[in-house]
Amino acid sequence: MHGRSMAHGLSWLLQLVVAVILLQTLFFKFTAAPESVFIFSTLGAEPWGRIGSGLIELIASVLLLAPRTTVFGAALAMGSMAGALASHLLLLGIEIMGDGGLLFTLAVLVFVASAIVLYIRRAGIPLLGMRFSHLGEVR
C-alpha cells in the first residue's frame, strides 16, 4: 500500500474511532447520567458545563467526519479532551465512581488519536497547509 493512502486510511480509522467515542458519550451527558452529573457538579459546572461540553463534542464529531473540516474537528476534540484530562488530573482523579479509569483512558485515546489525525491532515490547516503542501501530505 502506498504511504499516502496508508496514512489516509489510518486517518479515517482514527477519525471514526474518535467520532464514535465522542458520540456515544453524548447519551450520558444529555440524559444526565449519574457519572456525568457527578463530574460536572464536582467541577461546579452542572448542568451548563455538561450540556456545553456535549455540544462541543457533537460539533467535533461532525467536523471530523466531513473531509473539508477534519482538521477543525480534530483540533476541537483535542481541546475538549485537554480540558477533560486537566479536570481528571487536577480535580477529579483518574477513577470516577468506580469506573476503573475508563473515562480517563477514553479521554487520552481521543486526545492522542485526534493529534495523529491533525498531524496526518496538517496540509488542511489554513496557512500551515500552504507552507507544507509541497511535501505531499494527505489532503
Protein backbone atom coordinates (compact mmCIF):
# COMPACT_ATOMS: atom_id res chain seq x y z
CA MET A 1 0.00 0.00 0.00
CA HIS A 2 1.31 3.44 -0.93
CA GLY A 3 2.40 5.58 2.05
CA ARG A 4 -0.04 8.37 1.31
CA SER A 5 -3.03 6.05 1.02
CA MET A 6 -1.94 4.17 4.16
CA ALA A 7 -1.83 7.45 6.08
CA HIS A 8 -5.20 8.40 4.61
CA GLY A 9 -6.67 5.06 5.73
CA LEU A 10 -5.20 5.43 9.22
CA SER A 11 -6.60 8.93 9.47
CA TRP A 12 -10.10 7.76 8.53
CA LEU A 13 -9.92 4.89 11.02
CA LEU A 14 -8.88 7.26 13.81
CA GLN A 15 -11.49 9.82 12.79
CA LEU A 16 -14.17 7.14 13.09
CA VAL A 17 -12.84 5.93 16.45
CA VAL A 18 -12.83 9.46 17.86
CA ALA A 19 -16.28 10.28 16.48
CA VAL A 20 -17.79 7.05 17.85
CA ILE A 21 -16.32 7.63 21.31
CA LEU A 22 -17.48 11.24 21.40
CA LEU A 23 -20.94 10.42 20.06
CA GLN A 24 -21.54 7.56 22.49
CA THR A 25 -20.73 9.80 25.46
CA LEU A 26 -23.45 12.24 24.35
CA PHE A 27 -26.14 9.88 25.60
CA PHE A 28 -24.71 10.09 29.12
CA LYS A 29 -24.25 13.86 29.02
CA PHE A 30 -27.63 14.69 27.51
CA THR A 31 -29.61 12.27 29.72
CA ALA A 32 -27.92 13.48 32.92
CA ALA A 33 -26.39 10.10 33.76
CA PRO A 34 -25.17 9.97 37.37
CA GLU A 35 -21.48 9.91 36.35
CA SER A 36 -21.86 12.99 34.16
CA VAL A 37 -23.80 14.87 36.83
CA PHE A 38 -21.18 13.90 39.42
CA ILE A 39 -18.30 15.07 37.21
CA PHE A 40 -19.79 18.44 36.35
CA SER A 41 -21.14 19.01 39.88
CA THR A 42 -17.61 18.40 41.21
CA LEU A 43 -16.30 20.91 38.66
CA GLY A 44 -19.01 23.43 39.63
CA ALA A 45 -20.38 23.37 36.09
CA GLU A 46 -23.60 21.36 36.32
CA PRO A 47 -25.70 21.44 34.10
CA TRP A 48 -24.33 24.05 31.68
CA GLY A 49 -20.83 22.53 31.53
CA ARG A 50 -22.21 19.05 30.89
CA ILE A 51 -24.54 20.20 28.12
CA GLY A 52 -21.99 22.63 26.67
CA SER A 53 -19.24 20.03 26.51
CA GLY A 54 -21.69 17.62 24.91
CA LEU A 55 -22.48 20.17 22.21
CA ILE A 56 -18.77 20.80 21.60
CA GLU A 57 -18.15 17.06 21.27
CA LEU A 58 -21.10 16.71 18.89
CA ILE A 59 -19.72 19.52 16.71
CA ALA A 60 -16.22 17.98 16.81
CA SER A 61 -17.65 14.62 15.67
CA VAL A 62 -19.49 16.15 12.73
CA LEU A 63 -16.42 18.18 11.71
CA LEU A 64 -14.19 15.09 11.95
CA LEU A 65 -16.37 13.16 9.54
CA ALA A 66 -16.59 15.89 6.88
CA PRO A 67 -13.45 15.85 4.69
CA ARG A 68 -13.15 19.63 4.39
CA THR A 69 -13.39 20.19 8.14
CA THR A 70 -11.48 17.22 9.54
CA VAL A 71 -8.62 19.32 10.93
CA PHE A 72 -11.05 21.60 12.76
CA GLY A 73 -12.83 18.59 14.28
CA ALA A 74 -9.54 17.06 15.36
CA ALA A 75 -8.39 20.34 16.92
CA LEU A 76 -11.73 20.81 18.70
CA ALA A 77 -11.67 17.22 20.00
CA MET A 78 -8.10 17.72 21.25
CA GLY A 79 -9.05 20.94 23.02
CA SER A 80 -12.08 19.34 24.62
CA MET A 81 -10.04 16.35 25.79
CA ALA A 82 -7.28 18.63 27.09
CA GLY A 83 -9.91 20.13 29.38
CA ALA A 84 -11.18 16.70 30.38
CA LEU A 85 -7.66 15.45 31.11
CA ALA A 86 -6.81 18.54 33.14
CA SER A 87 -10.04 18.09 35.12
CA HIS A 88 -9.17 14.46 35.82
CA LEU A 89 -5.59 15.18 36.82
CA LEU A 90 -6.26 18.30 38.89
CA LEU A 91 -9.72 17.82 40.42
CA LEU A 92 -11.49 14.55 39.71
CA GLY A 93 -8.83 11.87 39.85
CA ILE A 94 -8.30 9.08 37.34
CA GLU A 95 -11.19 6.91 38.54
CA ILE A 96 -14.76 8.21 38.55
CA MET A 97 -17.40 6.42 40.58
CA GLY A 98 -15.63 3.05 40.33
CA ASP A 99 -15.10 3.11 36.54
CA GLY A 100 -11.53 1.84 36.85
CA GLY A 101 -10.24 4.87 34.95
CA LEU A 102 -12.31 4.17 31.82
CA LEU A 103 -13.35 7.78 31.23
CA PHE A 104 -9.78 8.99 31.71
CA THR A 105 -8.48 6.31 29.33
CA LEU A 106 -11.06 7.27 26.68
CA ALA A 107 -10.05 10.94 27.02
CA VAL A 108 -6.38 10.00 26.50
CA LEU A 109 -7.31 7.85 23.49
CA VAL A 110 -9.39 10.61 21.89
CA PHE A 111 -6.65 13.20 22.53
CA VAL A 112 -3.87 11.06 21.03
CA ALA A 113 -5.96 9.85 18.07
CA SER A 114 -7.02 13.44 17.31
CA ALA A 115 -3.39 14.57 17.47
CA ILE A 116 -2.41 11.87 14.97
CA VAL A 117 -5.28 12.88 12.64
CA LEU A 118 -4.19 16.51 12.90
CA TYR A 119 -0.63 15.53 12.02
CA ILE A 120 -1.66 13.38 9.06
CA ARG A 121 -4.04 16.05 7.80
CA ARG A 122 -1.77 19.02 8.58
CA ALA A 123 -1.87 20.15 4.94
CA GLY A 124 -5.52 21.04 5.57
CA ILE A 125 -4.68 23.51 8.35
CA PRO A 126 -5.19 27.03 6.98
CA LEU A 127 -1.88 28.83 6.34
CA LEU A 128 0.14 25.92 7.72
CA GLY A 129 -1.22 23.77 4.91
CA MET A 130 0.06 26.25 2.35
CA ARG A 131 3.50 26.01 3.90
CA PHE A 132 3.59 22.19 3.78
CA SER A 133 1.50 21.48 0.69
CA HIS A 134 4.60 20.74 -1.40
CA LEU A 135 5.57 17.82 0.88
CA GLY A 136 2.79 15.54 -0.38
CA GLU A 137 0.67 15.22 2.75
CA VAL A 138 -2.78 13.64 2.69
CA ARG A 139 -5.46 16.18 1.89
